[in-house]
Amino acid sequence: MLNLDTGINNCHLGYRYFLKIKNRNDSKYWISVKCNATATNYADSSVVVRDKHTHSPDETDKQVLLIPTNLKRKLIEESGSADRIVEEVFHKKNAKPNDLL
């Protein structure tokens, strides 16, 4: 399980969320990228999910979030065409560039 605590996109219990608001009390308000379910995580690492998701959890969502990290690492570590490296990273995850949006 990933806690909703880093980045502007994150995954919790197989559901992908995007960060909507960082609150003054260090809590963060997240919205599902596929429906209107919301979640809030707090400084003590607790997460409260509100509303039911209208879709099943999807392991692919977590993999999509790893693409930018993997891409950056490969571009730094490997020499060669950036286009080839980008294509390779997306192909391994069976993802399309629009999946990152």
PDB file of N, CA and C in Angstrom:
ATOM      1  N   MET A   1       0.841  -1.181   0.000  1.00  0.00           N
ATOM      2  CA  MET A   1       0.000   0.000   0.000  1.00  0.00           C
ATOM      3  C   MET A   1       0.884   1.241   0.000  1.00  0.00           C
ATOM      4  N   LEU A   2       0.584   2.180  -0.844  1.00  0.00           N
ATOM      5  CA  LEU A   2       1.287   3.451  -0.857  1.00  0.00           C
ATOM      6  C   LEU A   2       0.480   4.474  -0.085  1.00  0.00           C
ATOM      7  N   ASN A   3       1.127   5.245   0.740  1.00  0.00           N
ATOM      8  CA  ASN A   3       0.438   6.334   1.412  1.00  0.00           C
ATOM      9  C   ASN A   3       0.358   7.520   0.472  1.00  0.00           C
ATOM     10  N   LEU A   4      -0.668   8.296   0.625  1.00  0.00           N
ATOM     11  CA  LEU A   4      -0.828   9.497  -0.192  1.00  0.00           C
ATOM     12  C   LEU A   4      -0.007  10.613   0.439  1.00  0.00           C
ATOM     13  N   ASP A   5       1.271  10.659   0.120  1.00  0.00           N
ATOM     14  CA  ASP A   5       2.072  11.664   0.803  1.00  0.00           C
ATOM     15  C   ASP A   5       3.105  12.342  -0.083  1.00  0.00           C
ATOM     16  N   THR A   6       3.290  11.893  -1.302  1.00  0.00           N
ATOM     17  CA  THR A   6       4.314  12.505  -2.127  1.00  0.00           C
ATOM     18  C   THR A   6       3.766  12.801  -3.516  1.00  0.00           C
ATOM     19  N   GLY A   7       4.362  13.788  -4.143  1.00  0.00           N
ATOM     20  CA  GLY A   7       4.023  14.082  -5.526  1.00  0.00           C
ATOM     21  C   GLY A   7       2.631  14.657  -5.706  1.00  0.00           C
ATOM     22  N   ILE A   8       2.279  14.916  -6.963  1.00  0.00           N
ATOM     23  CA  ILE A   8       0.954  15.445  -7.270  1.00  0.00           C
ATOM     24  C   ILE A   8       0.009  14.345  -7.714  1.00  0.00           C
ATOM     25  N   ASN A   9       0.548  13.162  -7.987  1.00  0.00           N
ATOM     26  CA  ASN A   9      -0.243  11.972  -8.291  1.00  0.00           C
ATOM     27  C   ASN A   9       0.244  10.863  -7.377  1.00  0.00           C
ATOM     28  N   ASN A  10      -0.675  10.044  -6.926  1.00  0.00           N
ATOM     29  CA  ASN A  10      -0.287   8.957  -6.055  1.00  0.00           C
ATOM     30  C   ASN A  10      -1.327   7.859  -6.123  1.00  0.00           C
ATOM     31  N   CYS A  11      -0.999   6.733  -5.531  1.00  0.00           N
ATOM     32  CA  CYS A  11      -1.880   5.581  -5.559  1.00  0.00           C
ATOM     33  C   CYS A  11      -2.102   5.100  -4.130  1.00  0.00           C
ATOM     34  N   HIS A  12      -3.340   4.739  -3.821  1.00  0.00           N
ATOM     35  CA  HIS A  12      -3.681   4.227  -2.495  1.00  0.00           C
ATOM     36  C   HIS A  12      -4.672   3.082  -2.672  1.00  0.00           C
ATOM     37  N   LEU A  13      -4.284   1.902  -2.188  1.00  0.00           N
ATOM     38  CA  LEU A  13      -5.133   0.712  -2.273  1.00  0.00           C
ATOM     39  C   LEU A  13      -5.572   0.402  -3.709  1.00  0.00           C
ATOM     40  N   GLY A  14      -4.705   0.721  -4.669  1.00  0.00           N
ATOM     41  CA  GLY A  14      -4.998   0.416  -6.064  1.00  0.00           C
ATOM     42  C   GLY A  14      -5.787   1.483  -6.804  1.00  0.00           C
ATOM     43  N   TYR A  15      -6.061   2.592  -6.154  1.00  0.00           N
ATOM     44  CA  TYR A  15      -6.781   3.701  -6.791  1.00  0.00           C
ATOM     45  C   TYR A  15      -5.813   4.871  -6.959  1.00  0.00           C
ATOM     46  N   ARG A  16      -5.815   5.470  -8.141  1.00  0.00           N
ATOM     47  CA  ARG A  16      -4.930   6.599  -8.415  1.00  0.00           C
ATOM     48  C   ARG A  16      -5.653   7.909  -8.101  1.00  0.00           C
ATOM     49  N   TYR A  17      -4.948   8.790  -7.435  1.00  0.00           N
ATOM     50  CA  TYR A  17      -5.472  10.101  -7.036  1.00  0.00           C
ATOM     51  C   TYR A  17      -4.546  11.203  -7.519  1.00  0.00           C
ATOM     52  N   PHE A  18      -5.103  12.413  -7.651  1.00  0.00           N
ATOM     53  CA  PHE A  18      -4.268  13.585  -7.879  1.00  0.00           C
ATOM     54  C   PHE A  18      -4.480  14.545  -6.727  1.00  0.00           C
ATOM     55  N   LEU A  19      -3.431  15.280  -6.401  1.00  0.00           N
ATOM     56  CA  LEU A  19      -3.452  16.209  -5.275  1.00  0.00           C
ATOM     57  C   LEU A  19      -4.266  17.441  -5.640  1.00  0.00           C
ATOM     58  N   LYS A  20      -5.250  17.746  -4.834  1.00  0.00           N
ATOM     59  CA  LYS A  20      -6.092  18.920  -5.055  1.00  0.00           C
ATOM     60  C   LYS A  20      -5.660  20.081  -4.160  1.00  0.00           C
ATOM     61  N   ILE A  21      -5.485  19.793  -2.847  1.00  0.00           N
ATOM     62  CA  ILE A  21      -5.184  20.865  -1.900  1.00  0.00           C
ATOM     63  C   ILE A  21      -4.219  20.371  -0.829  1.00  0.00           C
ATOM     64  N   LYS A  22      -3.218  21.190  -0.512  1.00  0.00           N
ATOM     65  CA  LYS A  22      -2.388  20.976   0.670  1.00  0.00           C
ATOM     66  C   LYS A  22      -2.912  21.937   1.729  1.00  0.00           C
ATOM     67  N   ASN A  23      -3.313  21.397   2.857  1.00  0.00           N
ATOM     68  CA  ASN A  23      -3.894  22.224   3.917  1.00  0.00           C
ATOM     69  C   ASN A  23      -2.835  22.724   4.892  1.00  0.00           C
ATOM     70  N   ARG A  24      -3.182  23.740   5.639  1.00  0.00           N
ATOM     71  CA  ARG A  24      -2.249  24.327   6.610  1.00  0.00           C
ATOM     72  C   ARG A  24      -1.853  23.358   7.716  1.00  0.00           C
ATOM     73  N   ASN A  25      -2.711  22.397   8.023  1.00  0.00           N
ATOM     74  CA  ASN A  25      -2.408  21.435   9.082  1.00  0.00           C
ATOM     75  C   ASN A  25      -1.597  20.245   8.551  1.00  0.00           C
ATOM     76  N   ASP A  26      -0.980  20.404   7.389  1.00  0.00           N
ATOM     77  CA  ASP A  26      -0.164  19.387   6.730  1.00  0.00           C
ATOM     78  C   ASP A  26      -0.967  18.218   6.160  1.00  0.00           C
ATOM     79  N   SER A  27      -2.285  18.299   6.199  1.00  0.00           N
ATOM     80  CA  SER A  27      -3.083  17.267   5.544  1.00  0.00           C
ATOM     81  C   SER A  27      -3.165  17.596   4.051  1.00  0.00           C
ATOM     82  N   LYS A  28      -3.468  16.564   3.262  1.00  0.00           N
ATOM     83  CA  LYS A  28      -3.585  16.745   1.816  1.00  0.00           C
ATOM     84  C   LYS A  28      -4.894  16.130   1.350  1.00  0.00           C
ATOM     85  N   TYR A  29      -5.562  16.828   0.449  1.00  0.00           N
ATOM     86  CA  TYR A  29      -6.861  16.413  -0.087  1.00  0.00           C
ATOM     87  C   TYR A  29      -6.645  15.924  -1.508  1.00  0.00           C
ATOM     88  N   TRP A  30      -7.057  14.677  -1.783  1.00  0.00           N
ATOM     89  CA  TRP A  30      -6.835  14.019  -3.057  1.00  0.00           C
ATOM     90  C   TRP A  30      -8.157  13.660  -3.705  1.00  0.00           C
ATOM     91  N   ILE A  31      -8.190  13.628  -5.042  1.00  0.00           N
ATOM     92  CA  ILE A  31      -9.379  13.231  -5.797  1.00  0.00           C
ATOM     93  C   ILE A  31      -8.986  12.099  -6.744  1.00  0.00           C
ATOM     94  N   SER A  32      -9.831  11.090  -6.834  1.00  0.00           N
ATOM     95  CA  SER A  32      -9.589   9.965  -7.739  1.00  0.00           C
ATOM     96  C   SER A  32      -9.522  10.479  -9.175  1.00  0.00           C
ATOM     97  N   VAL A  33      -8.604   9.911  -9.962  1.00  0.00           N
ATOM     98  CA  VAL A  33      -8.489  10.338 -11.360  1.00  0.00           C
ATOM     99  C   VAL A  33      -9.582   9.733 -12.229  1.00  0.00           C
ATOM    100  N   LYS A  34     -10.325   8.733 -11.713  1.00  0.00           N
ATOM    101  CA  LYS A  34     -11.334   8.053 -12.520  1.00  0.00           C
ATOM    102  C   LYS A  34     -12.766   8.272 -12.048  1.00  0.00           C
ATOM    103  N   CYS A  35     -12.956   8.846 -10.873  1.00  0.00           N
ATOM    104  CA  CYS A  35     -14.312   9.084 -10.368  1.00  0.00           C
ATOM    105  C   CYS A  35     -14.254  10.233  -9.358  1.00  0.00           C
ATOM    106  N   ASN A  36     -15.309  10.436  -8.619  1.00  0.00           N
ATOM    107  CA  ASN A  36     -15.363  11.560  -7.685  1.00  0.00           C
ATOM    108  C   ASN A  36     -14.994  11.188  -6.250  1.00  0.00           C
ATOM    109  N   ALA A  37     -14.462  10.005  -6.022  1.00  0.00           N
ATOM    110  CA  ALA A  37     -14.046   9.625  -4.675  1.00  0.00           C
ATOM    111  C   ALA A  37     -12.890  10.522  -4.234  1.00  0.00           C
ATOM    112  N   THR A  38     -12.838  10.822  -2.954  1.00  0.00           N
ATOM    113  CA  THR A  38     -11.789  11.676  -2.411  1.00  0.00           C
ATOM    114  C   THR A  38     -11.117  10.982  -1.232  1.00  0.00           C
ATOM    115  N   ALA A  39      -9.934  11.458  -0.900  1.00  0.00           N
ATOM    116  CA  ALA A  39      -9.197  10.947   0.249  1.00  0.00           C
ATOM    117  C   ALA A  39      -8.418  12.100   0.863  1.00  0.00           C
ATOM    118  N   THR A  40      -8.215  12.010   2.157  1.00  0.00           N
ATOM    119  CA  THR A  40      -7.389  12.982   2.866  1.00  0.00           C
ATOM    120  C   THR A  40      -6.350  12.206   3.645  1.00  0.00           C
ATOM    121  N   ASN A  41      -5.090  12.625   3.539  1.00  0.00           N
ATOM    122  CA  ASN A  41      -4.089  12.026   4.414  1.00  0.00           C
ATOM    123  C   ASN A  41      -3.578  13.086   5.360  1.00  0.00           C
ATOM    124  N   TYR A  42      -3.232  12.624   6.549  1.00  0.00           N
ATOM    125  CA  TYR A  42      -2.869  13.507   7.647  1.00  0.00           C
ATOM    126  C   TYR A  42      -1.414  13.318   8.041  1.00  0.00           C
ATOM    127  N   ALA A  43      -0.901  14.241   8.836  1.00  0.00           N
ATOM    128  CA  ALA A  43       0.500  14.220   9.250  1.00  0.00           C
ATOM    129  C   ALA A  43       0.866  12.920   9.969  1.00  0.00           C
ATOM    130  N   ASP A  44      -0.099  12.276  10.625  1.00  0.00           N
ATOM    131  CA  ASP A  44       0.181  11.016  11.328  1.00  0.00           C
ATOM    132  C   ASP A  44       0.146   9.810  10.389  1.00  0.00           C
ATOM    133  N   SER A  45       0.108  10.041   9.077  1.00  0.00           N
ATOM    134  CA  SER A  45       0.086   9.020   8.018  1.00  0.00           C
ATOM    135  C   SER A  45      -1.250   8.303   7.864  1.00  0.00           C
ATOM    136  N   SER A  46      -2.273   8.727   8.603  1.00  0.00           N
ATOM    137  CA  SER A  46      -3.589   8.119   8.413  1.00  0.00           C
ATOM    138  C   SER A  46      -4.217   8.656   7.136  1.00  0.00           C
ATOM    139  N   VAL A  47      -5.065   7.821   6.529  1.00  0.00           N
ATOM    140  CA  VAL A  47      -5.748   8.186   5.289  1.00  0.00           C
ATOM    141  C   VAL A  47      -7.231   7.914   5.480  1.00  0.00           C
ATOM    142  N   VAL A  48      -8.061   8.904   5.160  1.00  0.00           N
ATOM    143  CA  VAL A  48      -9.512   8.757   5.216  1.00  0.00           C
ATOM    144  C   VAL A  48     -10.039   8.886   3.795  1.00  0.00           C
ATOM    145  N   VAL A  49     -10.694   7.824   3.325  1.00  0.00           N
ATOM    146  CA  VAL A  49     -11.279   7.829   1.985  1.00  0.00           C
ATOM    147  C   VAL A  49     -12.762   8.124   2.115  1.00  0.00           C
ATOM    148  N   ARG A  50     -13.241   9.063   1.322  1.00  0.00           N
ATOM    149  CA  ARG A  50     -14.653   9.423   1.331  1.00  0.00           C
ATOM    150  C   ARG A  50     -15.263   9.057  -0.017  1.00  0.00           C
ATOM    151  N   ASP A  51     -16.496   8.729  -0.005  1.00  0.00           N
ATOM    152  CA  ASP A  51     -17.214   8.340  -1.219  1.00  0.00           C
ATOM    153  C   ASP A  51     -16.678   7.001  -1.734  1.00  0.00           C
ATOM    154  N   LYS A  52     -17.542   6.283  -2.389  1.00  0.00           N
ATOM    155  CA  LYS A  52     -17.146   4.995  -2.960  1.00  0.00           C
ATOM    156  C   LYS A  52     -16.668   5.204  -4.381  1.00  0.00           C
ATOM    157  N   HIS A  53     -15.663   4.446  -4.736  1.00  0.00           N
ATOM    158  CA  HIS A  53     -15.173   4.486  -6.112  1.00  0.00           C
ATOM    159  C   HIS A  53     -16.199   3.809  -7.014  1.00  0.00           C
ATOM    160  N   THR A  54     -16.329   4.308  -8.214  1.00  0.00           N
ATOM    161  CA  THR A  54     -17.270   3.732  -9.178  1.00  0.00           C
ATOM    162  C   THR A  54     -16.560   2.767 -10.123  1.00  0.00           C
ATOM    163  N   HIS A  55     -15.357   2.358  -9.739  1.00  0.00           N
ATOM    164  CA  HIS A  55     -14.543   1.457 -10.553  1.00  0.00           C
ATOM    165  C   HIS A  55     -13.724   0.575  -9.610  1.00  0.00           C
ATOM    166  N   SER A  56     -13.186  -0.490 -10.158  1.00  0.00           N
ATOM    167  CA  SER A  56     -12.356  -1.397  -9.375  1.00  0.00           C
ATOM    168  C   SER A  56     -10.941  -0.848  -9.254  1.00  0.00           C
ATOM    169  N   PRO A  57     -10.214  -1.250  -8.209  1.00  0.00           N
ATOM    170  CA  PRO A  57      -8.802  -0.844  -8.126  1.00  0.00           C
ATOM    171  C   PRO A  57      -8.040  -1.436  -9.300  1.00  0.00           C
ATOM    172  N   ASP A  58      -6.995  -0.762  -9.717  1.00  0.00           N
ATOM    173  CA  ASP A  58      -6.256  -1.183 -10.900  1.00  0.00           C
ATOM    174  C   ASP A  58      -4.759  -1.090 -10.627  1.00  0.00           C
ATOM    175  N   GLU A  59      -4.089  -2.219 -10.621  1.00  0.00           N
ATOM    176  CA  GLU A  59      -2.639  -2.264 -10.392  1.00  0.00           C
ATOM    177  C   GLU A  59      -1.886  -1.465 -11.454  1.00  0.00           C
ATOM    178  N   THR A  60      -2.452  -1.336 -12.635  1.00  0.00           N
ATOM    179  CA  THR A  60      -1.819  -0.564 -13.705  1.00  0.00           C
ATOM    180  C   THR A  60      -1.635   0.892 -13.291  1.00  0.00           C
ATOM    181  N   ASP A  61      -2.565   1.416 -12.500  1.00  0.00           N
ATOM    182  CA  ASP A  61      -2.448   2.805 -12.057  1.00  0.00           C
ATOM    183  C   ASP A  61      -1.148   3.038 -11.295  1.00  0.00           C
ATOM    184  N   LYS A  62      -0.775   2.095 -10.448  1.00  0.00           N
ATOM    185  CA  LYS A  62       0.465   2.235  -9.698  1.00  0.00           C
ATOM    186  C   LYS A  62       1.656   2.190 -10.647  1.00  0.00           C
ATOM    187  N   GLN A  63       1.595   1.316 -11.646  1.00  0.00           N
ATOM    188  CA  GLN A  63       2.679   1.204 -12.617  1.00  0.00           C
ATOM    189  C   GLN A  63       2.826   2.482 -13.443  1.00  0.00           C
ATOM    190  N   VAL A  64       1.712   3.109 -13.785  1.00  0.00           N
ATOM    191  CA  VAL A  64       1.746   4.361 -14.548  1.00  0.00           C
ATOM    192  C   VAL A  64       2.497   5.436 -13.773  1.00  0.00           C
ATOM    193  N   LEU A  65       2.308   5.463 -12.451  1.00  0.00           N
ATOM    194  CA  LEU A  65       2.979   6.472 -11.641  1.00  0.00           C
ATOM    195  C   LEU A  65       4.489   6.261 -11.570  1.00  0.00           C
ATOM    196  N   LEU A  66       4.951   5.059 -11.836  1.00  0.00           N
ATOM    197  CA  LEU A  66       6.388   4.775 -11.807  1.00  0.00           C
ATOM    198  C   LEU A  66       7.082   5.176 -13.103  1.00  0.00           C
ATOM    199  N   ILE A  67       6.346   5.435 -14.153  1.00  0.00           N
ATOM    200  CA  ILE A  67       6.945   5.737 -15.453  1.00  0.00           C
ATOM    201  C   ILE A  67       7.871   6.954 -15.399  1.00  0.00           C
ATOM    202  N   PRO A  68       7.459   8.101 -14.853  1.00  0.00           N
ATOM    203  CA  PRO A  68       8.386   9.246 -14.842  1.00  0.00           C
ATOM    204  C   PRO A  68       9.679   8.960 -14.073  1.00  0.00           C
ATOM    205  N   THR A  69       9.590   8.249 -12.968  1.00  0.00           N
ATOM    206  CA  THR A  69      10.772   7.911 -12.177  1.00  0.00           C
ATOM    207  C   THR A  69      11.698   7.002 -12.975  1.00  0.00           C
ATOM    208  N   ASN A  70      11.125   5.970 -13.581  1.00  0.00           N
ATOM    209  CA  ASN A  70      11.935   5.046 -14.387  1.00  0.00           C
ATOM    210  C   ASN A  70      12.545   5.748 -15.588  1.00  0.00           C
ATOM    211  N   LEU A  71      11.782   6.620 -16.207  1.00  0.00           N
ATOM    212  CA  LEU A  71      12.257   7.344 -17.382  1.00  0.00           C
ATOM    213  C   LEU A  71      13.439   8.242 -17.017  1.00  0.00           C
ATOM    214  N   LYS A  72      13.314   8.989 -15.944  1.00  0.00           N
ATOM    215  CA  LYS A  72      14.394   9.885 -15.512  1.00  0.00           C
ATOM    216  C   LYS A  72      15.658   9.085 -15.202  1.00  0.00           C
ATOM    217  N   ARG A  73      15.497   7.960 -14.486  1.00  0.00           N
ATOM    218  CA  ARG A  73      16.647   7.132 -14.133  1.00  0.00           C
ATOM    219  C   ARG A  73      17.341   6.601 -15.387  1.00  0.00           C
ATOM    220  N   LYS A  74      16.567   6.090 -16.346  1.00  0.00           N
ATOM    221  CA  LYS A  74      17.144   5.532 -17.563  1.00  0.00           C
ATOM    222  C   LYS A  74      17.836   6.614 -18.404  1.00  0.00           C
ATOM    223  N   LEU A  75      17.249   7.801 -18.473  1.00  0.00           N
ATOM    224  CA  LEU A  75      17.860   8.876 -19.262  1.00  0.00           C
ATOM    225  C   LEU A  75      19.200   9.298 -18.662  1.00  0.00           C
ATOM    226  N   ILE A  76      19.310   9.258 -17.341  1.00  0.00           N
ATOM    227  CA  ILE A  76      20.561   9.624 -16.681  1.00  0.00           C
ATOM    228  C   ILE A  76      21.601   8.517 -16.834  1.00  0.00           C
ATOM    229  N   GLU A  77      21.171   7.264 -16.670  1.00  0.00           N
ATOM    230  CA  GLU A  77      22.103   6.133 -16.645  1.00  0.00           C
ATOM    231  C   GLU A  77      22.554   5.656 -18.026  1.00  0.00           C
ATOM    232  N   GLU A  78      21.717   5.785 -19.029  1.00  0.00           N
ATOM    233  CA  GLU A  78      22.009   5.194 -20.331  1.00  0.00           C
ATOM    234  C   GLU A  78      22.329   6.259 -21.367  1.00  0.00           C
ATOM    235  N   SER A  79      23.214   5.876 -22.249  1.00  0.00           N
ATOM    236  CA  SER A  79      23.446   6.753 -23.395  1.00  0.00           C
ATOM    237  C   SER A  79      22.596   6.232 -24.547  1.00  0.00           C
ATOM    238  N   GLY A  80      22.352   7.074 -25.486  1.00  0.00           N
ATOM    239  CA  GLY A  80      21.544   6.666 -26.626  1.00  0.00           C
ATOM    240  C   GLY A  80      20.418   7.652 -26.862  1.00  0.00           C
ATOM    241  N   SER A  81      19.626   7.328 -27.816  1.00  0.00           N
ATOM    242  CA  SER A  81      18.536   8.190 -28.227  1.00  0.00           C
ATOM    243  C   SER A  81      17.486   8.324 -27.117  1.00  0.00           C
ATOM    244  N   ALA A  82      17.149   9.556 -26.782  1.00  0.00           N
ATOM    245  CA  ALA A  82      16.096   9.790 -25.785  1.00  0.00           C
ATOM    246  C   ALA A  82      14.773   9.225 -26.278  1.00  0.00           C
ATOM    247  N   ASP A  83      14.507   9.333 -27.578  1.00  0.00           N
ATOM    248  CA  ASP A  83      13.268   8.781 -28.141  1.00  0.00           C
ATOM    249  C   ASP A  83      13.186   7.274 -27.916  1.00  0.00           C
ATOM    250  N   ARG A  84      14.302   6.560 -28.111  1.00  0.00           N
ATOM    251  CA  ARG A  84      14.320   5.114 -27.910  1.00  0.00           C
ATOM    252  C   ARG A  84      14.071   4.771 -26.444  1.00  0.00           C
ATOM    253  N   ILE A  85      14.708   5.499 -25.543  1.00  0.00           N
ATOM    254  CA  ILE A  85      14.545   5.234 -24.112  1.00  0.00           C
ATOM    255  C   ILE A  85      13.108   5.494 -23.681  1.00  0.00           C
ATOM    256  N   VAL A  86      12.526   6.598 -24.135  1.00  0.00           N
ATOM    257  CA  VAL A  86      11.129   6.903 -23.798  1.00  0.00           C
ATOM    258  C   VAL A  86      10.215   5.804 -24.304  1.00  0.00           C
ATOM    259  N   GLU A  87      10.396   5.400 -25.553  1.00  0.00           N
ATOM    260  CA  GLU A  87       9.567   4.342 -26.134  1.00  0.00           C
ATOM    261  C   GLU A  87       9.705   3.043 -25.348  1.00  0.00           C
ATOM    262  N   GLU A  88      10.916   2.716 -24.946  1.00  0.00           N
ATOM    263  CA  GLU A  88      11.161   1.484 -24.196  1.00  0.00           C
ATOM    264  C   GLU A  88      10.452   1.499 -22.842  1.00  0.00           C
ATOM    265  N   VAL A  89      10.532   2.613 -22.126  1.00  0.00           N
ATOM    266  CA  VAL A  89       9.887   2.710 -20.809  1.00  0.00           C
ATOM    267  C   VAL A  89       8.377   2.592 -20.950  1.00  0.00           C
ATOM    268  N   PHE A  90       7.782   3.283 -21.902  1.00  0.00           N
ATOM    269  CA  PHE A  90       6.335   3.207 -22.093  1.00  0.00           C
ATOM    270  C   PHE A  90       5.917   1.816 -22.555  1.00  0.00           C
ATOM    271  N   HIS A  91       6.711   1.204 -23.422  1.00  0.00           N
ATOM    272  CA  HIS A  91       6.369  -0.121 -23.933  1.00  0.00           C
ATOM    273  C   HIS A  91       6.382  -1.162 -22.813  1.00  0.00           C
ATOM    274  N   LYS A  92       7.354  -1.085 -21.905  1.00  0.00           N
ATOM    275  CA  LYS A  92       7.446  -2.038 -20.798  1.00  0.00           C
ATOM    276  C   LYS A  92       6.204  -1.980 -19.908  1.00  0.00           C
ATOM    277  N   LYS A  93       5.625  -0.823 -19.766  1.00  0.00           N
ATOM    278  CA  LYS A  93       4.453  -0.661 -18.899  1.00  0.00           C
ATOM    279  C   LYS A  93       3.147  -0.759 -19.677  1.00  0.00           C
ATOM    280  N   ASN A  94       3.236  -1.018 -20.993  1.00  0.00           N
ATOM    281  CA  ASN A  94       2.033  -1.054 -21.837  1.00  0.00           C
ATOM    282  C   ASN A  94       1.195   0.201 -21.637  1.00  0.00           C
ATOM    283  N   ALA A  95       1.874   1.318 -21.556  1.00  0.00           N
ATOM    284  CA  ALA A  95       1.193   2.589 -21.301  1.00  0.00           C
ATOM    285  C   ALA A  95       1.347   3.500 -22.507  1.00  0.00           C
ATOM    286  N   LYS A  96       0.481   4.467 -22.569  1.00  0.00           N
ATOM    287  CA  LYS A  96       0.534   5.487 -23.598  1.00  0.00           C
ATOM    288  C   LYS A  96       0.917   6.806 -22.912  1.00  0.00           C
ATOM    289  N   PRO A  97       1.574   7.714 -23.617  1.00  0.00           N
ATOM    290  CA  PRO A  97       1.952   8.984 -22.999  1.00  0.00           C
ATOM    291  C   PRO A  97       0.769   9.696 -22.346  1.00  0.00           C
ATOM    292  N   ASN A  98      -0.435   9.567 -22.881  1.00  0.00           N
ATOM    293  CA  ASN A  98      -1.619  10.225 -22.291  1.00  0.00           C
ATOM    294  C   ASN A  98      -1.959   9.669 -20.921  1.00  0.00           C
ATOM    295  N   ASP A  99      -1.492   8.448 -20.573  1.00  0.00           N
ATOM    296  CA  ASP A  99      -1.779   7.866 -19.277  1.00  0.00           C
ATOM    297  C   ASP A  99      -1.194   8.691 -18.138  1.00  0.00           C
ATOM    298  N   LEU A 100      -0.169   9.487 -18.450  1.00  0.00           N
ATOM    299  CA  LEU A 100       0.448  10.291 -17.418  1.00  0.00           C
ATOM    300  C   LEU A 100      -0.349  11.544 -17.086  1.00  0.00           C
ATOM    301  N   LEU A 101      -1.289  11.890 -17.907  1.00  0.00           N
ATOM    302  CA  LEU A 101      -2.023  13.134 -17.696  1.00  0.00           C
ATOM    303  C   LEU A 101      -2.992  13.030 -16.572  1.00  0.00           C
TER     304      LEU A 101
END
